[in-house]
mmCIF file of all heavy atoms, coordinates in Angstrom:
data_MODEL
# 
_entry.id   MODEL 
# 
loop_
_atom_site.group_PDB 
_atom_site.id 
_atom_site.type_symbol 
_atom_site.label_atom_id 
_atom_site.label_alt_id 
_atom_site.label_comp_id 
_atom_site.label_asym_id 
_atom_site.label_entity_id 
_atom_site.label_seq_id 
_atom_site.pdbx_PDB_ins_code 
_atom_site.Cartn_x 
_atom_site.Cartn_y 
_atom_site.Cartn_z 
_atom_site.occupancy 
_atom_site.B_iso_or_equiv 
_atom_site.pdbx_formal_charge 
_atom_site.auth_seq_id 
_atom_site.auth_comp_id 
_atom_site.auth_asym_id 
_atom_site.auth_atom_id 
_atom_site.pdbx_PDB_model_num 
ATOM 1   N N   . LEU A 1 1  ? 0.773   -1.206  -0.018 1.00 0.00 ? 1  LEU A N   1 
ATOM 2   C CA  . LEU A 1 1  ? -0.054  -0.079  -0.042 1.00 0.00 ? 1  LEU A CA  1 
ATOM 3   C C   . LEU A 1 1  ? 0.771   1.265   -0.003 1.00 0.00 ? 1  LEU A C   1 
ATOM 4   O O   . LEU A 1 1  ? 0.575   2.143   -0.714 1.00 0.00 ? 1  LEU A O   1 
ATOM 5   C CB  . LEU A 1 1  ? -0.924  -0.011  1.251  1.00 0.00 ? 1  LEU A CB  1 
ATOM 6   C CG  . LEU A 1 1  ? -2.392  -0.520  1.163  1.00 0.00 ? 1  LEU A CG  1 
ATOM 7   C CD1 . LEU A 1 1  ? -3.012  -0.542  2.412  1.00 0.00 ? 1  LEU A CD1 1 
ATOM 8   C CD2 . LEU A 1 1  ? -3.173  0.238   -0.009 1.00 0.00 ? 1  LEU A CD2 1 
ATOM 9   N N   . VAL A 1 2  ? 1.784   1.326   0.816  1.00 0.00 ? 2  VAL A N   1 
ATOM 10  C CA  . VAL A 1 2  ? 2.754   2.475   0.984  1.00 0.00 ? 2  VAL A CA  1 
ATOM 11  C C   . VAL A 1 2  ? 3.420   2.733   -0.351 1.00 0.00 ? 2  VAL A C   1 
ATOM 12  O O   . VAL A 1 2  ? 3.352   3.802   -0.847 1.00 0.00 ? 2  VAL A O   1 
ATOM 13  C CB  . VAL A 1 2  ? 3.708   2.336   2.166  1.00 0.00 ? 2  VAL A CB  1 
ATOM 14  C CG1 . VAL A 1 2  ? 4.816   3.458   2.059  1.00 0.00 ? 2  VAL A CG1 1 
ATOM 15  C CG2 . VAL A 1 2  ? 3.043   2.210   3.430  1.00 0.00 ? 2  VAL A CG2 1 
ATOM 16  N N   . ARG A 1 3  ? 3.865   1.718   -1.003 1.00 0.00 ? 3  ARG A N   1 
ATOM 17  C CA  . ARG A 1 3  ? 4.607   1.831   -2.289 1.00 0.00 ? 3  ARG A CA  1 
ATOM 18  C C   . ARG A 1 3  ? 3.597   2.355   -3.341 1.00 0.00 ? 3  ARG A C   1 
ATOM 19  O O   . ARG A 1 3  ? 3.922   3.262   -4.235 1.00 0.00 ? 3  ARG A O   1 
ATOM 20  C CB  . ARG A 1 3  ? 5.280   0.668   -2.742 1.00 0.00 ? 3  ARG A CB  1 
ATOM 21  C CG  . ARG A 1 3  ? 6.513   0.308   -1.874 1.00 0.00 ? 3  ARG A CG  1 
ATOM 22  C CD  . ARG A 1 3  ? 7.444   -0.688  -2.551 1.00 0.00 ? 3  ARG A CD  1 
ATOM 23  N NE  . ARG A 1 3  ? 6.803   -1.948  -2.638 1.00 0.00 ? 3  ARG A NE  1 
ATOM 24  C CZ  . ARG A 1 3  ? 7.001   -2.925  -1.703 1.00 0.00 ? 3  ARG A CZ  1 
ATOM 25  N NH1 . ARG A 1 3  ? 7.764   -2.857  -0.745 1.00 0.00 ? 3  ARG A NH1 1 
ATOM 26  N NH2 . ARG A 1 3  ? 6.396   -4.080  -1.843 1.00 0.00 ? 3  ARG A NH2 1 
ATOM 27  N N   . SER A 1 4  ? 2.458   1.673   -3.491 1.00 0.00 ? 4  SER A N   1 
ATOM 28  C CA  . SER A 1 4  ? 1.476   1.999   -4.552 1.00 0.00 ? 4  SER A CA  1 
ATOM 29  C C   . SER A 1 4  ? 0.892   3.358   -4.355 1.00 0.00 ? 4  SER A C   1 
ATOM 30  O O   . SER A 1 4  ? 0.853   4.207   -5.327 1.00 0.00 ? 4  SER A O   1 
ATOM 31  C CB  . SER A 1 4  ? 0.413   0.982   -4.417 1.00 0.00 ? 4  SER A CB  1 
ATOM 32  O OG  . SER A 1 4  ? -0.520  1.198   -5.553 1.00 0.00 ? 4  SER A OG  1 
ATOM 33  N N   . MET A 1 5  ? 0.512   3.773   -2.984 1.00 0.00 ? 5  MET A N   1 
ATOM 34  C CA  . MET A 1 5  ? -0.017  5.089   -2.823 1.00 0.00 ? 5  MET A CA  1 
ATOM 35  C C   . MET A 1 5  ? 0.908   6.187   -2.997 1.00 0.00 ? 5  MET A C   1 
ATOM 36  O O   . MET A 1 5  ? 0.568   7.279   -3.542 1.00 0.00 ? 5  MET A O   1 
ATOM 37  C CB  . MET A 1 5  ? -0.551  5.108   -1.467 1.00 0.00 ? 5  MET A CB  1 
ATOM 38  C CG  . MET A 1 5  ? -1.839  4.189   -1.271 1.00 0.00 ? 5  MET A CG  1 
ATOM 39  S SD  . MET A 1 5  ? -2.684  4.275   0.321  1.00 0.00 ? 5  MET A SD  1 
ATOM 40  C CE  . MET A 1 5  ? -3.535  5.681   0.149  1.00 0.00 ? 5  MET A CE  1 
ATOM 41  N N   . SER A 1 6  ? 2.213   5.957   -2.616 1.00 0.00 ? 6  SER A N   1 
ATOM 42  C CA  . SER A 1 6  ? 3.168   7.021   -2.828 1.00 0.00 ? 6  SER A CA  1 
ATOM 43  C C   . SER A 1 6  ? 3.439   7.332   -4.208 1.00 0.00 ? 6  SER A C   1 
ATOM 44  O O   . SER A 1 6  ? 3.990   8.438   -4.590 1.00 0.00 ? 6  SER A O   1 
ATOM 45  C CB  . SER A 1 6  ? 4.528   6.652   -2.062 1.00 0.00 ? 6  SER A CB  1 
ATOM 46  O OG  . SER A 1 6  ? 5.108   5.378   -2.656 1.00 0.00 ? 6  SER A OG  1 
ATOM 47  N N   . ARG A 1 7  ? 3.157   6.484   -5.184 1.00 0.00 ? 7  ARG A N   1 
ATOM 48  C CA  . ARG A 1 7  ? 3.393   6.693   -6.642 1.00 0.00 ? 7  ARG A CA  1 
ATOM 49  C C   . ARG A 1 7  ? 2.184   7.445   -7.217 1.00 0.00 ? 7  ARG A C   1 
ATOM 50  O O   . ARG A 1 7  ? 2.369   8.152   -8.278 1.00 0.00 ? 7  ARG A O   1 
ATOM 51  C CB  . ARG A 1 7  ? 3.451   5.396   -7.394 1.00 0.00 ? 7  ARG A CB  1 
ATOM 52  C CG  . ARG A 1 7  ? 4.781   4.635   -7.059 1.00 0.00 ? 7  ARG A CG  1 
ATOM 53  C CD  . ARG A 1 7  ? 5.022   3.514   -8.130 1.00 0.00 ? 7  ARG A CD  1 
ATOM 54  N NE  . ARG A 1 7  ? 4.120   2.440   -8.015 1.00 0.00 ? 7  ARG A NE  1 
ATOM 55  C CZ  . ARG A 1 7  ? 4.252   1.400   -7.264 1.00 0.00 ? 7  ARG A CZ  1 
ATOM 56  N NH1 . ARG A 1 7  ? 5.496   1.219   -6.670 1.00 0.00 ? 7  ARG A NH1 1 
ATOM 57  N NH2 . ARG A 1 7  ? 3.385   0.448   -7.167 1.00 0.00 ? 7  ARG A NH2 1 
ATOM 58  N N   . GLN A 1 8  ? 1.077   7.400   -6.496 1.00 0.00 ? 8  GLN A N   1 
ATOM 59  C CA  . GLN A 1 8  ? -0.092  8.128   -7.169 1.00 0.00 ? 8  GLN A CA  1 
ATOM 60  C C   . GLN A 1 8  ? -0.738  9.285   -6.476 1.00 0.00 ? 8  GLN A C   1 
ATOM 61  O O   . GLN A 1 8  ? -1.275  10.185  -7.086 1.00 0.00 ? 8  GLN A O   1 
ATOM 62  C CB  . GLN A 1 8  ? -1.208  7.061   -7.410 1.00 0.00 ? 8  GLN A CB  1 
ATOM 63  C CG  . GLN A 1 8  ? -0.621  5.938   -8.333 1.00 0.00 ? 8  GLN A CG  1 
ATOM 64  C CD  . GLN A 1 8  ? -1.730  4.974   -8.879 1.00 0.00 ? 8  GLN A CD  1 
ATOM 65  O OE1 . GLN A 1 8  ? -2.672  5.683   -9.511 1.00 0.00 ? 8  GLN A OE1 1 
ATOM 66  N NE2 . GLN A 1 8  ? -1.730  3.694   -8.757 1.00 0.00 ? 8  GLN A NE2 1 
ATOM 67  N N   . ILE A 1 9  ? -0.637  9.244   -5.123 1.00 0.00 ? 9  ILE A N   1 
ATOM 68  C CA  . ILE A 1 9  ? -1.095  10.366  -4.291 1.00 0.00 ? 9  ILE A CA  1 
ATOM 69  C C   . ILE A 1 9  ? -0.051  10.815  -3.283 1.00 0.00 ? 9  ILE A C   1 
ATOM 70  O O   . ILE A 1 9  ? 0.889   9.965   -2.985 1.00 0.00 ? 9  ILE A O   1 
ATOM 71  C CB  . ILE A 1 9  ? -2.406  10.117  -3.673 1.00 0.00 ? 9  ILE A CB  1 
ATOM 72  C CG1 . ILE A 1 9  ? -2.402  9.064   -2.643 1.00 0.00 ? 9  ILE A CG1 1 
ATOM 73  C CG2 . ILE A 1 9  ? -3.548  9.813   -4.718 1.00 0.00 ? 9  ILE A CG2 1 
ATOM 74  C CD1 . ILE A 1 9  ? -3.621  8.839   -1.861 1.00 0.00 ? 9  ILE A CD1 1 
ATOM 75  N N   . ALA A 1 10 ? -0.275  11.840  -2.645 1.00 0.00 ? 10 ALA A N   1 
ATOM 76  C CA  . ALA A 1 10 ? 0.703   12.288  -1.551 1.00 0.00 ? 10 ALA A CA  1 
ATOM 77  C C   . ALA A 1 10 ? 0.440   11.445  -0.372 1.00 0.00 ? 10 ALA A C   1 
ATOM 78  O O   . ALA A 1 10 ? -0.632  11.174  0.037  1.00 0.00 ? 10 ALA A O   1 
ATOM 79  C CB  . ALA A 1 10 ? 0.431   13.731  -1.149 1.00 0.00 ? 10 ALA A CB  1 
ATOM 80  N N   . VAL A 1 11 ? 1.663   11.082  0.304  1.00 0.00 ? 11 VAL A N   1 
ATOM 81  C CA  . VAL A 1 11 ? 1.535   10.301  1.608  1.00 0.00 ? 11 VAL A CA  1 
ATOM 82  C C   . VAL A 1 11 ? 2.292   11.182  2.644  1.00 0.00 ? 11 VAL A C   1 
ATOM 83  O O   . VAL A 1 11 ? 3.071   12.072  2.373  1.00 0.00 ? 11 VAL A O   1 
ATOM 84  C CB  . VAL A 1 11 ? 2.207   8.915   1.406  1.00 0.00 ? 11 VAL A CB  1 
ATOM 85  C CG1 . VAL A 1 11 ? 1.392   8.094   0.440  1.00 0.00 ? 11 VAL A CG1 1 
ATOM 86  C CG2 . VAL A 1 11 ? 3.705   9.032   0.918  1.00 0.00 ? 11 VAL A CG2 1 
ATOM 87  N N   . ALA A 1 12 ? 1.952   10.841  3.849  1.00 0.00 ? 12 ALA A N   1 
ATOM 88  C CA  . ALA A 1 12 ? 2.557   11.603  4.915  1.00 0.00 ? 12 ALA A CA  1 
ATOM 89  C C   . ALA A 1 12 ? 4.085   11.309  5.091  1.00 0.00 ? 12 ALA A C   1 
ATOM 90  O O   . ALA A 1 12 ? 4.588   10.292  4.502  1.00 0.00 ? 12 ALA A O   1 
ATOM 91  C CB  . ALA A 1 12 ? 1.785   11.262  6.279  1.00 0.00 ? 12 ALA A CB  1 
ATOM 92  N N   . ARG A 1 13 ? 4.796   12.099  5.770  1.00 0.00 ? 13 ARG A N   1 
ATOM 93  C CA  . ARG A 1 13 ? 6.210   11.909  6.028  1.00 0.00 ? 13 ARG A CA  1 
ATOM 94  C C   . ARG A 1 13 ? 6.572   10.498  6.623  1.00 0.00 ? 13 ARG A C   1 
ATOM 95  O O   . ARG A 1 13 ? 7.417   9.909   6.200  1.00 0.00 ? 13 ARG A O   1 
ATOM 96  C CB  . ARG A 1 13 ? 6.824   12.951  6.937  1.00 0.00 ? 13 ARG A CB  1 
ATOM 97  C CG  . ARG A 1 13 ? 6.767   14.380  6.318  1.00 0.00 ? 13 ARG A CG  1 
ATOM 98  C CD  . ARG A 1 13 ? 7.318   15.443  7.167  1.00 0.00 ? 13 ARG A CD  1 
ATOM 99  N NE  . ARG A 1 13 ? 7.219   16.661  6.591  1.00 0.00 ? 13 ARG A NE  1 
ATOM 100 C CZ  . ARG A 1 13 ? 7.655   17.886  7.259  1.00 0.00 ? 13 ARG A CZ  1 
ATOM 101 N NH1 . ARG A 1 13 ? 8.059   17.751  8.499  1.00 0.00 ? 13 ARG A NH1 1 
ATOM 102 N NH2 . ARG A 1 13 ? 7.610   19.017  6.680  1.00 0.00 ? 13 ARG A NH2 1 
ATOM 103 N N   . SER A 1 14 ? 5.661   10.150  7.609  1.00 0.00 ? 14 SER A N   1 
ATOM 104 C CA  . SER A 1 14 ? 5.851   8.869   8.134  1.00 0.00 ? 14 SER A CA  1 
ATOM 105 C C   . SER A 1 14 ? 4.426   8.125   7.718  1.00 0.00 ? 14 SER A C   1 
ATOM 106 O O   . SER A 1 14 ? 3.578   8.180   8.466  1.00 0.00 ? 14 SER A O   1 
ATOM 107 C CB  . SER A 1 14 ? 5.975   8.917   9.777  1.00 0.00 ? 14 SER A CB  1 
ATOM 108 O OG  . SER A 1 14 ? 7.125   9.639   10.063 1.00 0.00 ? 14 SER A OG  1 
ATOM 109 N N   . PRO A 1 15 ? 4.552   7.469   6.615  1.00 0.00 ? 15 PRO A N   1 
ATOM 110 C CA  . PRO A 1 15 ? 3.226   6.938   6.148  1.00 0.00 ? 15 PRO A CA  1 
ATOM 111 C C   . PRO A 1 15 ? 2.673   5.581   6.795  1.00 0.00 ? 15 PRO A C   1 
ATOM 112 O O   . PRO A 1 15 ? 1.554   5.253   6.583  1.00 0.00 ? 15 PRO A O   1 
ATOM 113 C CB  . PRO A 1 15 ? 3.536   6.587   4.574  1.00 0.00 ? 15 PRO A CB  1 
ATOM 114 C CG  . PRO A 1 15 ? 5.107   6.302   4.673  1.00 0.00 ? 15 PRO A CG  1 
ATOM 115 C CD  . PRO A 1 15 ? 5.617   7.140   5.674  1.00 0.00 ? 15 PRO A CD  1 
ATOM 116 N N   . HIS A 1 16 ? 3.466   5.082   7.700  1.00 0.00 ? 16 HIS A N   1 
ATOM 117 C CA  . HIS A 1 16 ? 2.941   3.865   8.430  1.00 0.00 ? 16 HIS A CA  1 
ATOM 118 C C   . HIS A 1 16 ? 2.992   4.194   9.932  1.00 0.00 ? 16 HIS A C   1 
ATOM 119 O O   . HIS A 1 16 ? 4.018   4.611   10.484 1.00 0.00 ? 16 HIS A O   1 
ATOM 120 C CB  . HIS A 1 16 ? 3.836   2.678   8.113  1.00 0.00 ? 16 HIS A CB  1 
ATOM 121 C CG  . HIS A 1 16 ? 3.440   1.483   9.096  1.00 0.00 ? 16 HIS A CG  1 
ATOM 122 N ND1 . HIS A 1 16 ? 4.330   0.809   9.853  1.00 0.00 ? 16 HIS A ND1 1 
ATOM 123 C CD2 . HIS A 1 16 ? 2.254   0.988   9.318  1.00 0.00 ? 16 HIS A CD2 1 
ATOM 124 C CE1 . HIS A 1 16 ? 3.712   -0.174  10.491 1.00 0.00 ? 16 HIS A CE1 1 
ATOM 125 N NE2 . HIS A 1 16 ? 2.422   -0.037  10.290 1.00 0.00 ? 16 HIS A NE2 1 
ATOM 126 N N   . ARG A 1 17 ? 1.850   4.008   10.582 1.00 0.00 ? 17 ARG A N   1 
ATOM 127 C CA  . ARG A 1 17 ? 1.768   4.084   12.032 1.00 0.00 ? 17 ARG A CA  1 
ATOM 128 C C   . ARG A 1 17 ? 0.940   2.944   12.568 1.00 0.00 ? 17 ARG A C   1 
ATOM 129 O O   . ARG A 1 17 ? 0.257   2.257   11.750 1.00 0.00 ? 17 ARG A O   1 
ATOM 130 C CB  . ARG A 1 17 ? 1.252   5.463   12.478 1.00 0.00 ? 17 ARG A CB  1 
ATOM 131 C CG  . ARG A 1 17 ? 2.002   6.652   12.106 1.00 0.00 ? 17 ARG A CG  1 
ATOM 132 C CD  . ARG A 1 17 ? 1.488   7.927   12.757 1.00 0.00 ? 17 ARG A CD  1 
ATOM 133 N NE  . ARG A 1 17 ? 2.327   9.006   12.624 1.00 0.00 ? 17 ARG A NE  1 
ATOM 134 C CZ  . ARG A 1 17 ? 2.328   9.948   11.738 1.00 0.00 ? 17 ARG A CZ  1 
ATOM 135 N NH1 . ARG A 1 17 ? 1.398   9.910   10.789 1.00 0.00 ? 17 ARG A NH1 1 
ATOM 136 N NH2 . ARG A 1 17 ? 3.155   10.904  11.725 1.00 0.00 ? 17 ARG A NH2 1 
ATOM 137 N N   . SER A 1 18 ? 0.929   2.736   13.870 1.00 0.00 ? 18 SER A N   1 
ATOM 138 C CA  . SER A 1 18 ? 0.072   1.610   14.375 1.00 0.00 ? 18 SER A CA  1 
ATOM 139 C C   . SER A 1 18 ? -0.420  2.086   15.801 1.00 0.00 ? 18 SER A C   1 
ATOM 140 O O   . SER A 1 18 ? 0.093   3.026   16.395 1.00 0.00 ? 18 SER A O   1 
ATOM 141 C CB  . SER A 1 18 ? 1.004   0.420   14.545 1.00 0.00 ? 18 SER A CB  1 
ATOM 142 O OG  . SER A 1 18 ? 2.130   0.668   15.477 1.00 0.00 ? 18 SER A OG  1 
ATOM 143 N N   . ALA A 1 19 ? -1.559  1.458   16.077 1.00 0.00 ? 19 ALA A N   1 
ATOM 144 C CA  . ALA A 1 19 ? -2.200  1.743   17.361 1.00 0.00 ? 19 ALA A CA  1 
ATOM 145 C C   . ALA A 1 19 ? -3.315  0.684   17.630 1.00 0.00 ? 19 ALA A C   1 
ATOM 146 O O   . ALA A 1 19 ? -3.586  -0.046  16.715 1.00 0.00 ? 19 ALA A O   1 
ATOM 147 C CB  . ALA A 1 19 ? -2.831  3.159   17.452 1.00 0.00 ? 19 ALA A CB  1 
ATOM 148 N N   . ALA A 1 20 ? -3.986  0.733   18.724 1.00 0.00 ? 20 ALA A N   1 
ATOM 149 C CA  . ALA A 1 20 ? -5.116  -0.294  19.111 1.00 0.00 ? 20 ALA A CA  1 
ATOM 150 C C   . ALA A 1 20 ? -6.308  0.153   18.520 1.00 0.00 ? 20 ALA A C   1 
ATOM 151 O O   . ALA A 1 20 ? -7.278  0.370   19.309 1.00 0.00 ? 20 ALA A O   1 
ATOM 152 C CB  . ALA A 1 20 ? -5.020  -0.424  20.647 1.00 0.00 ? 20 ALA A CB  1 
ATOM 153 N N   . PHE A 1 21 ? -6.566  0.082   17.208 1.00 0.00 ? 21 PHE A N   1 
ATOM 154 C CA  . PHE A 1 21 ? -7.827  0.392   16.623 1.00 0.00 ? 21 PHE A CA  1 
ATOM 155 C C   . PHE A 1 21 ? -8.757  -0.824  16.769 1.00 0.00 ? 21 PHE A C   1 
ATOM 156 O O   . PHE A 1 21 ? -8.482  -2.007  16.415 1.00 0.00 ? 21 PHE A O   1 
ATOM 157 C CB  . PHE A 1 21 ? -7.602  0.657   15.067 1.00 0.00 ? 21 PHE A CB  1 
ATOM 158 C CG  . PHE A 1 21 ? -7.052  1.981   14.843 1.00 0.00 ? 21 PHE A CG  1 
ATOM 159 C CD1 . PHE A 1 21 ? -5.582  1.989   14.706 1.00 0.00 ? 21 PHE A CD1 1 
ATOM 160 C CD2 . PHE A 1 21 ? -7.657  3.139   14.739 1.00 0.00 ? 21 PHE A CD2 1 
ATOM 161 C CE1 . PHE A 1 21 ? -4.915  3.137   14.406 1.00 0.00 ? 21 PHE A CE1 1 
ATOM 162 C CE2 . PHE A 1 21 ? -7.140  4.332   14.384 1.00 0.00 ? 21 PHE A CE2 1 
ATOM 163 C CZ  . PHE A 1 21 ? -5.653  4.338   14.209 1.00 0.00 ? 21 PHE A CZ  1 
ATOM 164 N N   . ARG A 1 22 ? -9.917  -0.443  17.252 1.00 0.00 ? 22 ARG A N   1 
ATOM 165 C CA  . ARG A 1 22 ? -10.911 -1.588  17.575 1.00 0.00 ? 22 ARG A CA  1 
ATOM 166 C C   . ARG A 1 22 ? -11.292 -2.293  16.358 1.00 0.00 ? 22 ARG A C   1 
ATOM 167 O O   . ARG A 1 22 ? -11.438 -3.594  16.237 1.00 0.00 ? 22 ARG A O   1 
ATOM 168 C CB  . ARG A 1 22 ? -12.171 -1.048  18.213 1.00 0.00 ? 22 ARG A CB  1 
ATOM 169 C CG  . ARG A 1 22 ? -13.263 -2.037  18.559 1.00 0.00 ? 22 ARG A CG  1 
ATOM 170 C CD  . ARG A 1 22 ? -14.489 -1.470  19.150 1.00 0.00 ? 22 ARG A CD  1 
ATOM 171 N NE  . ARG A 1 22 ? -14.275 -0.571  20.190 1.00 0.00 ? 22 ARG A NE  1 
ATOM 172 C CZ  . ARG A 1 22 ? -14.198 -1.045  21.495 1.00 0.00 ? 22 ARG A CZ  1 
ATOM 173 N NH1 . ARG A 1 22 ? -14.286 -2.245  21.780 1.00 0.00 ? 22 ARG A NH1 1 
ATOM 174 N NH2 . ARG A 1 22 ? -13.996 -0.234  22.434 1.00 0.00 ? 22 ARG A NH2 1 
ATOM 175 N N   . VAL A 1 23 ? -11.492 -1.588  15.187 1.00 0.00 ? 23 VAL A N   1 
ATOM 176 C CA  . VAL A 1 23 ? -11.918 -2.043  13.945 1.00 0.00 ? 23 VAL A CA  1 
ATOM 177 C C   . VAL A 1 23 ? -10.911 -3.057  13.266 1.00 0.00 ? 23 VAL A C   1 
ATOM 178 O O   . VAL A 1 23 ? -11.290 -3.821  12.405 1.00 0.00 ? 23 VAL A O   1 
ATOM 179 C CB  . VAL A 1 23 ? -12.401 -1.021  12.987 1.00 0.00 ? 23 VAL A CB  1 
ATOM 180 C CG1 . VAL A 1 23 ? -11.180 -0.401  12.307 1.00 0.00 ? 23 VAL A CG1 1 
ATOM 181 C CG2 . VAL A 1 23 ? -13.414 -1.446  11.944 1.00 0.00 ? 23 VAL A CG2 1 
ATOM 182 N N   . LEU A 1 24 ? -9.633  -2.973  13.757 1.00 0.00 ? 24 LEU A N   1 
ATOM 183 C CA  . LEU A 1 24 ? -8.629  -3.792  13.144 1.00 0.00 ? 24 LEU A CA  1 
ATOM 184 C C   . LEU A 1 24 ? -8.322  -5.086  14.049 1.00 0.00 ? 24 LEU A C   1 
ATOM 185 O O   . LEU A 1 24 ? -7.481  -5.872  13.714 1.00 0.00 ? 24 LEU A O   1 
ATOM 186 C CB  . LEU A 1 24 ? -7.243  -3.007  13.014 1.00 0.00 ? 24 LEU A CB  1 
ATOM 187 C CG  . LEU A 1 24 ? -7.343  -1.765  12.104 1.00 0.00 ? 24 LEU A CG  1 
ATOM 188 C CD1 . LEU A 1 24 ? -5.999  -1.122  12.045 1.00 0.00 ? 24 LEU A CD1 1 
ATOM 189 C CD2 . LEU A 1 24 ? -7.807  -2.148  10.675 1.00 0.00 ? 24 LEU A CD2 1 
ATOM 190 N N   . ARG A 1 25 ? -9.108  -5.356  15.107 1.00 0.00 ? 25 ARG A N   1 
ATOM 191 C CA  . ARG A 1 25 ? -8.996  -6.449  15.909 1.00 0.00 ? 25 ARG A CA  1 
ATOM 192 C C   . ARG A 1 25 ? -9.564  -7.659  15.284 1.00 0.00 ? 25 ARG A C   1 
ATOM 193 O O   . ARG A 1 25 ? -10.563 -8.153  15.713 1.00 0.00 ? 25 ARG A O   1 
ATOM 194 C CB  . ARG A 1 25 ? -9.527  -6.193  17.399 1.00 0.00 ? 25 ARG A CB  1 
ATOM 195 C CG  . ARG A 1 25 ? -8.815  -5.068  18.106 1.00 0.00 ? 25 ARG A CG  1 
ATOM 196 C CD  . ARG A 1 25 ? -9.425  -4.758  19.266 1.00 0.00 ? 25 ARG A CD  1 
ATOM 197 N NE  . ARG A 1 25 ? -8.882  -3.533  19.983 1.00 0.00 ? 25 ARG A NE  1 
ATOM 198 C CZ  . ARG A 1 25 ? -9.328  -2.904  21.104 1.00 0.00 ? 25 ARG A CZ  1 
ATOM 199 N NH1 . ARG A 1 25 ? -10.342 -3.520  21.694 1.00 0.00 ? 25 ARG A NH1 1 
ATOM 200 N NH2 . ARG A 1 25 ? -8.761  -1.919  21.509 1.00 0.00 ? 25 ARG A NH2 1 
ATOM 201 N N   . GLN A 1 26 ? -8.772  -8.252  14.366 1.00 0.00 ? 26 GLN A N   1 
ATOM 202 C CA  . GLN A 1 26 ? -9.372  -9.438  13.510 1.00 0.00 ? 26 GLN A CA  1 
ATOM 203 C C   . GLN A 1 26 ? -8.334  -10.412 13.459 1.00 0.00 ? 26 GLN A C   1 
ATOM 204 O O   . GLN A 1 26 ? -7.295  -10.421 12.737 1.00 0.00 ? 26 GLN A O   1 
ATOM 205 C CB  . GLN A 1 26 ? -9.745  -8.926  12.189 1.00 0.00 ? 26 GLN A CB  1 
ATOM 206 C CG  . GLN A 1 26 ? -10.592 -7.632  12.178 1.00 0.00 ? 26 GLN A CG  1 
ATOM 207 C CD  . GLN A 1 26 ? -11.412 -7.401  11.022 1.00 0.00 ? 26 GLN A CD  1 
ATOM 208 O OE1 . GLN A 1 26 ? -11.944 -8.482  10.362 1.00 0.00 ? 26 GLN A OE1 1 
ATOM 209 N NE2 . GLN A 1 26 ? -11.731 -6.222  10.516 1.00 0.00 ? 26 GLN A NE2 1 
# 
């Protein structure tokens, strides 16, 4: 995702972060 998105739209300086998102608890 990071590679593909950085080629087509602007990404943040630190494009990957992590945290305890409830919706990702799978």
